[in-house]
Amino acid sequence: MSPGELQNKVVAMAGEIENEMRRVGLWSSKAPSPEQMAFKKAFAIDTMPFSMWLQFIFIPRVHQAAAANQFPSSSSVGAQAVREFDTVPNTERLLSLLSEFDALFE
């Protein structure tokens, strides 16, 4: 996949992830507090729910990476999503999208 194709794919996937989060009711109208943004652990598990991290940290960072055409060497957001959403109803498509995102960087 060329850098431009990857860039387009990543932006499209971020949009699909956002749309799916909205569809299943995981999109929040309330932004994280400054205290929540002061996370120290991966996926901000020490300060906010995973869905909030996806919305306010992951998706914006995906857009920043795409705009700069600088991508990570790997991603494990799909694996974390499986752990976080294993008991959340109707998240199968979201889990699939996040796993597909990880696969872009294997």
N, C-alpha and C. Protein backbone atom coordinates (compact mmCIF):
# COMPACT_ATOMS: atom_id res chain seq x y z
N MET A 1 0.86 -1.18 0.00
CA MET A 1 0.00 0.00 0.00
C MET A 1 0.90 1.24 0.00
N SER A 2 0.62 2.16 -0.88
CA SER A 2 1.42 3.38 -0.96
C SER A 2 1.13 4.27 0.25
N PRO A 3 2.03 5.21 0.55
CA PRO A 3 1.77 6.12 1.68
C PRO A 3 0.45 6.89 1.54
N GLY A 4 0.14 7.33 0.33
CA GLY A 4 -1.12 8.05 0.12
C GLY A 4 -2.33 7.16 0.33
N GLU A 5 -2.23 5.91 -0.12
CA GLU A 5 -3.33 4.96 0.07
C GLU A 5 -3.54 4.67 1.55
N LEU A 6 -2.42 4.51 2.28
CA LEU A 6 -2.51 4.27 3.72
C LEU A 6 -3.14 5.47 4.41
N GLN A 7 -2.71 6.65 4.04
CA GLN A 7 -3.26 7.87 4.61
C GLN A 7 -4.78 7.92 4.41
N ASN A 8 -5.24 7.67 3.21
CA ASN A 8 -6.67 7.69 2.92
C ASN A 8 -7.42 6.60 3.68
N LYS A 9 -6.84 5.41 3.76
CA LYS A 9 -7.46 4.29 4.46
C LYS A 9 -7.61 4.60 5.95
N VAL A 10 -6.56 5.16 6.53
CA VAL A 10 -6.57 5.47 7.97
C VAL A 10 -7.64 6.52 8.28
N VAL A 11 -7.74 7.56 7.47
CA VAL A 11 -8.75 8.59 7.69
C VAL A 11 -10.15 8.00 7.54
N ALA A 12 -10.35 7.18 6.53
CA ALA A 12 -11.65 6.53 6.33
C ALA A 12 -12.00 5.64 7.51
N MET A 13 -11.04 4.89 8.00
CA MET A 13 -11.31 3.99 9.13
C MET A 13 -11.64 4.79 10.39
N ALA A 14 -10.95 5.90 10.62
CA ALA A 14 -11.26 6.74 11.78
C ALA A 14 -12.72 7.21 11.70
N GLY A 15 -13.16 7.58 10.51
CA GLY A 15 -14.56 7.99 10.34
C GLY A 15 -15.53 6.85 10.60
N GLU A 16 -15.19 5.67 10.12
CA GLU A 16 -16.05 4.51 10.36
C GLU A 16 -16.12 4.17 11.84
N ILE A 17 -14.97 4.26 12.53
CA ILE A 17 -14.93 3.98 13.97
C ILE A 17 -15.81 4.98 14.71
N GLU A 18 -15.68 6.26 14.36
CA GLU A 18 -16.52 7.29 14.99
C GLU A 18 -18.00 7.02 14.73
N ASN A 19 -18.35 6.74 13.50
CA ASN A 19 -19.76 6.46 13.17
C ASN A 19 -20.30 5.28 13.95
N GLU A 20 -19.48 4.24 14.07
CA GLU A 20 -19.93 3.05 14.80
C GLU A 20 -20.07 3.33 16.28
N MET A 21 -19.15 4.12 16.84
CA MET A 21 -19.27 4.49 18.25
C MET A 21 -20.56 5.28 18.49
N ARG A 22 -20.88 6.17 17.58
CA ARG A 22 -22.12 6.93 17.70
C ARG A 22 -23.33 5.99 17.61
N ARG A 23 -23.28 5.06 16.67
CA ARG A 23 -24.40 4.14 16.45
C ARG A 23 -24.70 3.30 17.68
N VAL A 24 -23.65 2.84 18.37
CA VAL A 24 -23.86 1.96 19.53
C VAL A 24 -23.95 2.73 20.85
N GLY A 25 -23.93 4.06 20.78
CA GLY A 25 -24.11 4.86 21.99
C GLY A 25 -22.87 5.03 22.84
N LEU A 26 -21.69 4.90 22.24
CA LEU A 26 -20.45 5.08 23.00
C LEU A 26 -19.80 6.44 22.78
N TRP A 27 -20.47 7.32 22.06
CA TRP A 27 -19.94 8.66 21.78
C TRP A 27 -20.47 9.60 22.84
N SER A 28 -19.61 10.40 23.43
CA SER A 28 -19.99 11.27 24.53
C SER A 28 -20.03 12.73 24.10
N SER A 29 -20.94 13.48 24.67
CA SER A 29 -20.98 14.92 24.41
C SER A 29 -20.14 15.67 25.44
N LYS A 30 -19.66 14.96 26.44
CA LYS A 30 -18.89 15.58 27.52
C LYS A 30 -17.40 15.27 27.33
N ALA A 31 -16.61 16.30 27.20
CA ALA A 31 -15.15 16.14 27.05
C ALA A 31 -14.53 15.72 28.39
N PRO A 32 -13.38 15.05 28.31
CA PRO A 32 -12.70 14.67 29.55
C PRO A 32 -12.21 15.91 30.31
N SER A 33 -12.15 15.77 31.61
CA SER A 33 -11.65 16.85 32.47
C SER A 33 -10.13 16.94 32.33
N PRO A 34 -9.54 18.05 32.76
CA PRO A 34 -8.08 18.15 32.75
C PRO A 34 -7.42 17.02 33.54
N GLU A 35 -8.06 16.61 34.63
CA GLU A 35 -7.52 15.50 35.43
C GLU A 35 -7.52 14.21 34.62
N GLN A 36 -8.58 13.98 33.86
CA GLN A 36 -8.63 12.77 33.04
C GLN A 36 -7.59 12.81 31.93
N MET A 37 -7.30 13.99 31.42
CA MET A 37 -6.31 14.11 30.35
C MET A 37 -4.88 13.94 30.86
N ALA A 38 -4.70 13.94 32.17
CA ALA A 38 -3.37 13.77 32.77
C ALA A 38 -3.07 12.30 33.02
N PHE A 39 -3.49 11.45 32.10
CA PHE A 39 -3.30 10.01 32.26
C PHE A 39 -1.82 9.64 32.15
N LYS A 40 -1.48 8.53 32.78
CA LYS A 40 -0.10 8.04 32.77
C LYS A 40 0.01 6.67 32.10
N LYS A 41 -1.09 5.95 32.03
CA LYS A 41 -1.07 4.58 31.52
C LYS A 41 -1.61 4.50 30.10
N ALA A 42 -1.21 3.45 29.42
CA ALA A 42 -1.69 3.20 28.06
C ALA A 42 -3.21 3.20 28.02
N PHE A 43 -3.77 3.73 26.95
CA PHE A 43 -5.22 3.81 26.75
C PHE A 43 -5.91 4.62 27.84
N ALA A 44 -5.13 5.38 28.61
CA ALA A 44 -5.66 6.21 29.70
C ALA A 44 -6.52 5.41 30.68
N ILE A 45 -6.17 4.14 30.85
CA ILE A 45 -6.99 3.29 31.72
C ILE A 45 -6.99 3.76 33.17
N ASP A 46 -6.04 4.63 33.50
CA ASP A 46 -5.99 5.13 34.87
C ASP A 46 -6.91 6.33 35.11
N THR A 47 -7.47 6.92 34.03
CA THR A 47 -8.27 8.13 34.25
C THR A 47 -9.61 8.19 33.52
N MET A 48 -9.82 7.35 32.50
CA MET A 48 -11.08 7.47 31.75
C MET A 48 -11.49 6.14 31.14
N PRO A 49 -12.77 6.00 30.83
CA PRO A 49 -13.24 4.79 30.15
C PRO A 49 -12.60 4.68 28.76
N PHE A 50 -12.44 3.48 28.28
CA PHE A 50 -11.82 3.23 26.98
C PHE A 50 -12.56 3.96 25.86
N SER A 51 -13.87 3.97 25.91
CA SER A 51 -14.63 4.65 24.85
C SER A 51 -14.29 6.14 24.82
N MET A 52 -14.07 6.74 25.96
CA MET A 52 -13.69 8.15 26.02
C MET A 52 -12.29 8.33 25.43
N TRP A 53 -11.39 7.41 25.74
CA TRP A 53 -10.04 7.48 25.18
C TRP A 53 -10.10 7.37 23.65
N LEU A 54 -10.91 6.46 23.14
CA LEU A 54 -11.05 6.33 21.69
C LEU A 54 -11.50 7.65 21.08
N GLN A 55 -12.51 8.25 21.67
CA GLN A 55 -13.10 9.47 21.12
C GLN A 55 -12.18 10.68 21.22
N PHE A 56 -11.58 10.88 22.38
CA PHE A 56 -10.86 12.13 22.62
C PHE A 56 -9.35 12.05 22.47
N ILE A 57 -8.80 10.84 22.43
CA ILE A 57 -7.35 10.69 22.26
C ILE A 57 -7.04 9.97 20.96
N PHE A 58 -7.56 8.78 20.80
CA PHE A 58 -7.22 7.95 19.65
C PHE A 58 -7.62 8.59 18.31
N ILE A 59 -8.90 8.91 18.15
CA ILE A 59 -9.35 9.43 16.86
C ILE A 59 -8.64 10.74 16.50
N PRO A 60 -8.51 11.70 17.42
CA PRO A 60 -7.75 12.90 17.05
C PRO A 60 -6.29 12.60 16.68
N ARG A 61 -5.67 11.67 17.40
CA ARG A 61 -4.28 11.32 17.07
C ARG A 61 -4.17 10.62 15.72
N VAL A 62 -5.17 9.83 15.38
CA VAL A 62 -5.19 9.19 14.06
C VAL A 62 -5.23 10.26 12.97
N HIS A 63 -6.07 11.25 13.16
CA HIS A 63 -6.16 12.34 12.18
C HIS A 63 -4.85 13.13 12.10
N GLN A 64 -4.21 13.36 13.25
CA GLN A 64 -2.93 14.07 13.25
C GLN A 64 -1.86 13.25 12.53
N ALA A 65 -1.82 11.96 12.79
CA ALA A 65 -0.84 11.09 12.14
C ALA A 65 -1.07 11.06 10.64
N ALA A 66 -2.33 11.01 10.23
CA ALA A 66 -2.64 10.99 8.80
C ALA A 66 -2.25 12.30 8.14
N ALA A 67 -2.54 13.41 8.81
CA ALA A 67 -2.20 14.72 8.25
C ALA A 67 -0.69 14.87 8.07
N ALA A 68 0.07 14.32 9.00
CA ALA A 68 1.53 14.39 8.93
C ALA A 68 2.12 13.23 8.14
N ASN A 69 1.27 12.28 7.76
CA ASN A 69 1.71 11.06 7.08
C ASN A 69 2.81 10.35 7.88
N GLN A 70 2.61 10.30 9.19
CA GLN A 70 3.53 9.62 10.11
C GLN A 70 2.72 8.65 10.95
N PHE A 71 2.95 7.38 10.70
CA PHE A 71 2.15 6.36 11.34
C PHE A 71 2.98 5.50 12.28
N PRO A 72 2.33 4.87 13.25
CA PRO A 72 3.06 4.01 14.18
C PRO A 72 3.54 2.74 13.48
N SER A 73 4.50 2.10 14.08
CA SER A 73 4.99 0.83 13.52
C SER A 73 4.06 -0.32 13.88
N SER A 74 3.23 -0.12 14.90
CA SER A 74 2.26 -1.15 15.28
C SER A 74 1.11 -0.48 16.03
N SER A 75 0.02 -1.23 16.16
CA SER A 75 -1.15 -0.76 16.91
C SER A 75 -1.77 -1.94 17.63
N SER A 76 -2.25 -1.69 18.83
CA SER A 76 -2.92 -2.75 19.59
C SER A 76 -4.27 -2.27 20.12
N VAL A 77 -4.86 -1.28 19.45
CA VAL A 77 -6.14 -0.76 19.90
C VAL A 77 -7.24 -1.82 19.78
N GLY A 78 -7.17 -2.66 18.77
CA GLY A 78 -8.17 -3.72 18.61
C GLY A 78 -8.12 -4.73 19.73
N ALA A 79 -6.92 -5.11 20.12
CA ALA A 79 -6.76 -6.06 21.22
C ALA A 79 -7.30 -5.48 22.53
N GLN A 80 -7.02 -4.21 22.76
CA GLN A 80 -7.55 -3.56 23.97
C GLN A 80 -9.06 -3.46 23.91
N ALA A 81 -9.59 -3.19 22.73
CA ALA A 81 -11.05 -3.09 22.57
C ALA A 81 -11.73 -4.40 22.92
N VAL A 82 -11.13 -5.52 22.54
CA VAL A 82 -11.69 -6.82 22.88
C VAL A 82 -11.78 -6.96 24.40
N ARG A 83 -10.73 -6.56 25.10
CA ARG A 83 -10.74 -6.64 26.57
C ARG A 83 -11.79 -5.71 27.18
N GLU A 84 -11.89 -4.51 26.63
CA GLU A 84 -12.78 -3.50 27.21
C GLU A 84 -14.26 -3.70 26.87
N PHE A 85 -14.53 -4.17 25.66
CA PHE A 85 -15.92 -4.24 25.20
C PHE A 85 -16.47 -5.66 25.15
N ASP A 86 -15.79 -6.61 25.78
CA ASP A 86 -16.23 -8.00 25.68
C ASP A 86 -17.64 -8.23 26.22
N THR A 87 -18.11 -7.39 27.11
CA THR A 87 -19.46 -7.56 27.66
C THR A 87 -20.42 -6.45 27.22
N VAL A 88 -19.98 -5.59 26.33
CA VAL A 88 -20.83 -4.49 25.86
C VAL A 88 -21.61 -4.95 24.64
N PRO A 89 -22.94 -4.88 24.70
CA PRO A 89 -23.75 -5.36 23.58
C PRO A 89 -23.55 -4.52 22.31
N ASN A 90 -23.71 -5.17 21.18
CA ASN A 90 -23.71 -4.52 19.86
C ASN A 90 -22.39 -3.89 19.46
N THR A 91 -21.28 -4.36 20.01
CA THR A 91 -19.99 -3.76 19.66
C THR A 91 -19.18 -4.62 18.70
N GLU A 92 -19.78 -5.64 18.14
CA GLU A 92 -19.04 -6.55 17.26
C GLU A 92 -18.41 -5.80 16.08
N ARG A 93 -19.18 -4.93 15.43
CA ARG A 93 -18.66 -4.18 14.28
C ARG A 93 -17.53 -3.23 14.71
N LEU A 94 -17.68 -2.58 15.85
CA LEU A 94 -16.63 -1.70 16.37
C LEU A 94 -15.35 -2.49 16.64
N LEU A 95 -15.49 -3.66 17.24
CA LEU A 95 -14.33 -4.50 17.50
C LEU A 95 -13.65 -4.89 16.19
N SER A 96 -14.45 -5.20 15.20
CA SER A 96 -13.91 -5.57 13.89
C SER A 96 -13.15 -4.40 13.27
N LEU A 97 -13.72 -3.21 13.31
CA LEU A 97 -13.05 -2.04 12.74
C LEU A 97 -11.73 -1.75 13.44
N LEU A 98 -11.72 -1.84 14.76
CA LEU A 98 -10.49 -1.56 15.51
C LEU A 98 -9.42 -2.62 15.25
N SER A 99 -9.85 -3.86 15.07
CA SER A 99 -8.90 -4.92 14.71
C SER A 99 -8.36 -4.71 13.30
N GLU A 100 -9.22 -4.26 12.39
CA GLU A 100 -8.77 -3.95 11.03
C GLU A 100 -7.76 -2.81 11.06
N PHE A 101 -7.98 -1.85 11.94
CA PHE A 101 -7.03 -0.75 12.08
C PHE A 101 -5.66 -1.30 12.49
N ASP A 102 -5.64 -2.18 13.49
CA ASP A 102 -4.39 -2.79 13.92
C ASP A 102 -3.68 -3.48 12.76
N ALA A 103 -4.46 -4.17 11.93
CA ALA A 103 -3.89 -4.94 10.83
C ALA A 103 -3.18 -4.06 9.80
N LEU A 104 -3.55 -2.79 9.74
CA LEU A 104 -2.87 -1.88 8.81
C LEU A 104 -1.39 -1.70 9.17
N PHE A 105 -1.05 -1.97 10.42
CA PHE A 105 0.30 -1.71 10.90
C PHE A 105 1.04 -2.98 11.33
N GLU A 106 0.69 -4.08 10.71
CA GLU A 106 1.38 -5.34 11.03
C GLU A 106 2.51 -5.56 10.07
